[in-house]
Amino acid sequence: MVKQLSVFLENKPGRLAKMTRVLGQECIDIITLSISDTTNFGIVRAIVNNTDKALDILKNSGFTINVAELLAVYVPDHPGGLAELLALLEDKHISVEYLYSFVRKPGDKAMIVFKVEDVAAAEQMIREAGKGIQLLDEKSVTQA
């Protein structure tokens, strides 16, 4: 399981710059970042090298923030690798709320992080399934 920060930002020039600056000044490394927006605000989803410290820093800097638990996995990096994982979740009726992927080490595996409705059930299913899908812990994701 991996902790992810969700930071709510007003759609104003400089807000994202401020967020990343305050983290950088405190030696917080942003491992991955995803941004979605609406008319008035955006949601920055980030995995960082020190979630608890980042949470305190951002709260003390006036940001509205939430922490979510995600699953992180390596899937085989070939056409259909992600589809195999999603089919397993579908078979167990586990909904995926969102996901994103990134590469920390190029090679034969793709790293996927995703939010599901039932983390424990998804973890159990992945452990039992095999199929070249490897569950990752927070250390594996943040200290590649």
C-alpha atoms as a PDB file:
ATOM      1  CA  MET A   1       0.000   0.000   0.000  1.00  0.00           C
ATOM      2  CA  VAL A   2       1.160   3.507  -0.840  1.00  0.00           C
ATOM      3  CA  LYS A   3       0.034   6.822   0.613  1.00  0.00           C
ATOM      4  CA  GLN A   4      -0.908   9.556  -1.833  1.00  0.00           C
ATOM      5  CA  LEU A   5      -1.432  13.225  -1.111  1.00  0.00           C
ATOM      6  CA  SER A   6      -4.391  14.986  -2.734  1.00  0.00           C
ATOM      7  CA  VAL A   7      -3.903  18.747  -2.632  1.00  0.00           C
ATOM      8  CA  PHE A   8      -6.743  21.061  -3.608  1.00  0.00           C
ATOM      9  CA  LEU A   9      -5.484  24.142  -5.440  1.00  0.00           C
ATOM     10  CA  GLU A  10      -7.346  27.206  -6.623  1.00  0.00           C
ATOM     11  CA  ASN A  11      -6.906  27.743 -10.342  1.00  0.00           C
ATOM     12  CA  LYS A  12      -4.694  30.791  -9.880  1.00  0.00           C
ATOM     13  CA  PRO A  13      -1.254  31.502 -11.279  1.00  0.00           C
ATOM     14  CA  GLY A  14       1.490  30.406  -8.928  1.00  0.00           C
ATOM     15  CA  ARG A  15      -0.432  27.995  -6.694  1.00  0.00           C
ATOM     16  CA  LEU A  16       1.231  24.873  -8.105  1.00  0.00           C
ATOM     17  CA  ALA A  17       4.599  26.632  -8.045  1.00  0.00           C
ATOM     18  CA  LYS A  18       4.103  27.495  -4.363  1.00  0.00           C
ATOM     19  CA  MET A  19       3.124  23.941  -3.497  1.00  0.00           C
ATOM     20  CA  THR A  20       6.169  22.438  -5.182  1.00  0.00           C
ATOM     21  CA  ARG A  21       8.448  25.142  -3.789  1.00  0.00           C
ATOM     22  CA  VAL A  22       7.474  24.568  -0.141  1.00  0.00           C
ATOM     23  CA  LEU A  23       8.005  20.839  -0.588  1.00  0.00           C
ATOM     24  CA  GLY A  24      11.357  21.318  -2.304  1.00  0.00           C
ATOM     25  CA  GLN A  25      12.592  23.693   0.393  1.00  0.00           C
ATOM     26  CA  GLU A  26      12.036  20.918   2.932  1.00  0.00           C
ATOM     27  CA  CYS A  27      13.743  18.231   0.785  1.00  0.00           C
ATOM     28  CA  ILE A  28      10.503  16.456  -0.088  1.00  0.00           C
ATOM     29  CA  ASP A  29      10.969  14.565  -3.347  1.00  0.00           C
ATOM     30  CA  ILE A  30       7.883  14.285  -5.562  1.00  0.00           C
ATOM     31  CA  ILE A  31       7.984  10.774  -6.999  1.00  0.00           C
ATOM     32  CA  THR A  32       4.921  11.118  -9.212  1.00  0.00           C
ATOM     33  CA  LEU A  33       2.352  13.821  -9.805  1.00  0.00           C
ATOM     34  CA  SER A  34      -1.039  13.940 -11.479  1.00  0.00           C
ATOM     35  CA  ILE A  35      -3.236  17.000 -11.888  1.00  0.00           C
ATOM     36  CA  SER A  36      -6.915  17.177 -12.733  1.00  0.00           C
ATOM     37  CA  ASP A  37      -8.875  20.377 -12.869  1.00  0.00           C
ATOM     38  CA  THR A  38     -12.275  21.966 -12.879  1.00  0.00           C
ATOM     39  CA  THR A  39     -13.195  25.572 -13.507  1.00  0.00           C
ATOM     40  CA  ASN A  40     -12.314  26.856 -10.040  1.00  0.00           C
ATOM     41  CA  PHE A  41      -9.798  24.401  -8.598  1.00  0.00           C
ATOM     42  CA  GLY A  42      -7.505  21.526  -9.358  1.00  0.00           C
ATOM     43  CA  ILE A  43      -6.581  18.374  -7.512  1.00  0.00           C
ATOM     44  CA  VAL A  44      -2.901  17.524  -7.394  1.00  0.00           C
ATOM     45  CA  ARG A  45      -2.311  13.876  -6.591  1.00  0.00           C
ATOM     46  CA  ALA A  46       1.255  13.159  -5.545  1.00  0.00           C
ATOM     47  CA  ILE A  47       3.348  10.397  -4.090  1.00  0.00           C
ATOM     48  CA  VAL A  48       6.319  11.765  -2.183  1.00  0.00           C
ATOM     49  CA  ASN A  49       9.294  10.353  -0.308  1.00  0.00           C
ATOM     50  CA  ASN A  50       7.988  11.452   3.116  1.00  0.00           C
ATOM     51  CA  THR A  51       4.199  11.655   3.263  1.00  0.00           C
ATOM     52  CA  ASP A  52       3.855  12.636   6.929  1.00  0.00           C
ATOM     53  CA  LYS A  53       6.364  15.492   6.680  1.00  0.00           C
ATOM     54  CA  ALA A  54       4.822  16.710   3.404  1.00  0.00           C
ATOM     55  CA  LEU A  55       1.354  16.646   4.962  1.00  0.00           C
ATOM     56  CA  ASP A  56       2.509  18.846   7.857  1.00  0.00           C
ATOM     57  CA  ILE A  57       4.392  21.246   5.574  1.00  0.00           C
ATOM     58  CA  LEU A  58       1.463  21.690   3.199  1.00  0.00           C
ATOM     59  CA  LYS A  59      -1.107  22.121   5.982  1.00  0.00           C
ATOM     60  CA  ASN A  60       1.107  24.703   7.697  1.00  0.00           C
ATOM     61  CA  SER A  61       1.407  26.512   4.348  1.00  0.00           C
ATOM     62  CA  GLY A  62      -2.371  26.843   4.077  1.00  0.00           C
ATOM     63  CA  PHE A  63      -3.138  24.065   1.591  1.00  0.00           C
ATOM     64  CA  THR A  64      -6.199  21.843   1.834  1.00  0.00           C
ATOM     65  CA  ILE A  65      -4.969  18.278   1.669  1.00  0.00           C
ATOM     66  CA  ASN A  66      -6.122  14.696   2.029  1.00  0.00           C
ATOM     67  CA  VAL A  67      -4.244  11.389   2.230  1.00  0.00           C
ATOM     68  CA  ALA A  68      -5.463   8.305   0.367  1.00  0.00           C
ATOM     69  CA  GLU A  69      -4.235   4.729   0.345  1.00  0.00           C
ATOM     70  CA  LEU A  70      -3.413   3.308  -3.073  1.00  0.00           C
ATOM     71  CA  LEU A  71      -2.168   0.040  -4.410  1.00  0.00           C
ATOM     72  CA  ALA A  72       1.034  -0.033  -6.392  1.00  0.00           C
ATOM     73  CA  VAL A  73       2.031  -2.905  -8.629  1.00  0.00           C
ATOM     74  CA  TYR A  74       4.425  -3.892 -11.317  1.00  0.00           C
ATOM     75  CA  VAL A  75       2.698  -5.432 -14.321  1.00  0.00           C
ATOM     76  CA  PRO A  76       4.393  -7.061 -17.282  1.00  0.00           C
ATOM     77  CA  ASP A  77       5.302  -4.312 -19.739  1.00  0.00           C
ATOM     78  CA  HIS A  78       3.757  -5.711 -22.897  1.00  0.00           C
ATOM     79  CA  PRO A  79       0.545  -5.080 -24.820  1.00  0.00           C
ATOM     80  CA  GLY A  80      -2.297  -6.247 -22.599  1.00  0.00           C
ATOM     81  CA  GLY A  81      -0.292  -6.213 -19.334  1.00  0.00           C
ATOM     82  CA  LEU A  82      -2.569  -3.636 -17.719  1.00  0.00           C
ATOM     83  CA  ALA A  83      -5.652  -5.298 -19.212  1.00  0.00           C
ATOM     84  CA  GLU A  84      -4.752  -8.537 -17.400  1.00  0.00           C
ATOM     85  CA  LEU A  85      -4.695  -6.735 -14.051  1.00  0.00           C
ATOM     86  CA  LEU A  86      -7.946  -4.895 -14.747  1.00  0.00           C
ATOM     87  CA  ALA A  87      -9.646  -8.145 -15.796  1.00  0.00           C
ATOM     88  CA  LEU A  88      -8.709  -9.686 -12.449  1.00  0.00           C
ATOM     89  CA  LEU A  89     -10.241  -6.742 -10.611  1.00  0.00           C
ATOM     90  CA  GLU A  90     -13.339  -6.903 -12.804  1.00  0.00           C
ATOM     91  CA  ASP A  91     -13.761 -10.618 -12.078  1.00  0.00           C
ATOM     92  CA  LYS A  92     -13.809  -9.850  -8.324  1.00  0.00           C
ATOM     93  CA  HIS A  93     -16.168  -6.866  -8.848  1.00  0.00           C
ATOM     94  CA  ILE A  94     -13.584  -4.413  -7.526  1.00  0.00           C
ATOM     95  CA  SER A  95     -14.054  -0.943  -8.980  1.00  0.00           C
ATOM     96  CA  VAL A  96     -11.093   1.202  -9.941  1.00  0.00           C
ATOM     97  CA  GLU A  97     -11.659   4.839  -9.029  1.00  0.00           C
ATOM     98  CA  TYR A  98      -8.567   6.059 -10.879  1.00  0.00           C
ATOM     99  CA  LEU A  99      -5.070   4.982 -11.801  1.00  0.00           C
ATOM    100  CA  TYR A 100      -1.894   6.274 -13.304  1.00  0.00           C
ATOM    101  CA  SER A 101       1.373   4.756 -14.319  1.00  0.00           C
ATOM    102  CA  PHE A 102       4.974   5.814 -14.306  1.00  0.00           C
ATOM    103  CA  VAL A 103       8.400   4.362 -14.838  1.00  0.00           C
ATOM    104  CA  ARG A 104      11.070   4.529 -12.159  1.00  0.00           C
ATOM    105  CA  LYS A 105      13.251   1.830 -13.702  1.00  0.00           C
ATOM    106  CA  PRO A 106      12.866   1.136 -17.406  1.00  0.00           C
ATOM    107  CA  GLY A 107      12.710  -2.541 -18.171  1.00  0.00           C
ATOM    108  CA  ASP A 108      10.290  -5.363 -18.426  1.00  0.00           C
ATOM    109  CA  LYS A 109       7.738  -4.031 -15.909  1.00  0.00           C
ATOM    110  CA  ALA A 110       5.408  -1.034 -15.766  1.00  0.00           C
ATOM    111  CA  MET A 111       4.500   0.527 -12.407  1.00  0.00           C
ATOM    112  CA  ILE A 112       0.815   1.238 -11.916  1.00  0.00           C
ATOM    113  CA  VAL A 113      -0.705   2.971  -8.885  1.00  0.00           C
ATOM    114  CA  PHE A 114      -4.436   2.868  -8.452  1.00  0.00           C
ATOM    115  CA  LYS A 115      -7.252   3.711  -6.088  1.00  0.00           C
ATOM    116  CA  VAL A 116      -9.848   1.021  -5.625  1.00  0.00           C
ATOM    117  CA  GLU A 117     -12.986   0.800  -3.550  1.00  0.00           C
ATOM    118  CA  ASP A 118     -11.731  -2.201  -1.534  1.00  0.00           C
ATOM    119  CA  VAL A 119      -7.967  -2.129  -1.001  1.00  0.00           C
ATOM    120  CA  ALA A 120      -7.788  -5.292   1.127  1.00  0.00           C
ATOM    121  CA  ALA A 121      -9.765  -7.366  -1.387  1.00  0.00           C
ATOM    122  CA  ALA A 122      -7.640  -6.082  -4.268  1.00  0.00           C
ATOM    123  CA  GLU A 123      -4.397  -6.876  -2.434  1.00  0.00           C
ATOM    124  CA  GLN A 124      -5.597 -10.393  -1.642  1.00  0.00           C
ATOM    125  CA  MET A 125      -6.699 -11.002  -5.228  1.00  0.00           C
ATOM    126  CA  ILE A 126      -3.352  -9.823  -6.613  1.00  0.00           C
ATOM    127  CA  ARG A 127      -1.409 -12.035  -4.189  1.00  0.00           C
ATOM    128  CA  GLU A 128      -3.419 -15.078  -5.242  1.00  0.00           C
ATOM    129  CA  ALA A 129      -3.436 -14.358  -8.968  1.00  0.00           C
ATOM    130  CA  GLY A 130       0.265 -14.426  -9.783  1.00  0.00           C
ATOM    131  CA  LYS A 131       0.351 -13.656 -13.523  1.00  0.00           C
ATOM    132  CA  GLY A 132       3.538 -11.636 -13.165  1.00  0.00           C
ATOM    133  CA  ILE A 133       1.815  -8.901 -11.138  1.00  0.00           C
ATOM    134  CA  GLN A 134       3.901  -7.805  -8.148  1.00  0.00           C
ATOM    135  CA  LEU A 135       2.488  -5.806  -5.226  1.00  0.00           C
ATOM    136  CA  LEU A 136       4.734  -2.955  -4.128  1.00  0.00           C
ATOM    137  CA  ASP A 137       5.061  -1.273  -0.769  1.00  0.00           C
ATOM    138  CA  GLU A 138       5.639   2.419  -0.211  1.00  0.00           C
ATOM    139  CA  LYS A 139       9.404   2.003   0.151  1.00  0.00           C
ATOM    140  CA  SER A 140       9.614   0.208  -3.203  1.00  0.00           C
ATOM    141  CA  VAL A 141       7.811   3.085  -4.904  1.00  0.00           C
ATOM    142  CA  THR A 142       9.534   6.017  -3.228  1.00  0.00           C
ATOM    143  CA  GLN A 143      13.111   4.729  -3.072  1.00  0.00           C
ATOM    144  CA  ALA A 144      13.770   3.274  -6.496  1.00  0.00           C
END
